């Protein structure tokens, strides 16, 4: 719940920023990067991660899938 709150606060704060689309990528991409780590599964946070990824929309889920693949391949 805390991460969801932080995510929403960050996302809602983007509107007035210069280069807002760039900041949207960051706000959606950073949680996806964090949530793609296996530690999230090991710690039993998968339901919370799924909820946050739903909040991030299709773009966030695409980033998550990409980061998960990169982690599985040992790139990151």
Foldseek 3Di string as FASTA:
>chain_A
DVVLVVLVVQLVVLVVDPPSVVSLLVSLQPLLLVCLDCVCVVVVNVVVSVVSQVVNPPSSVVNNVVNNVCVVVVND
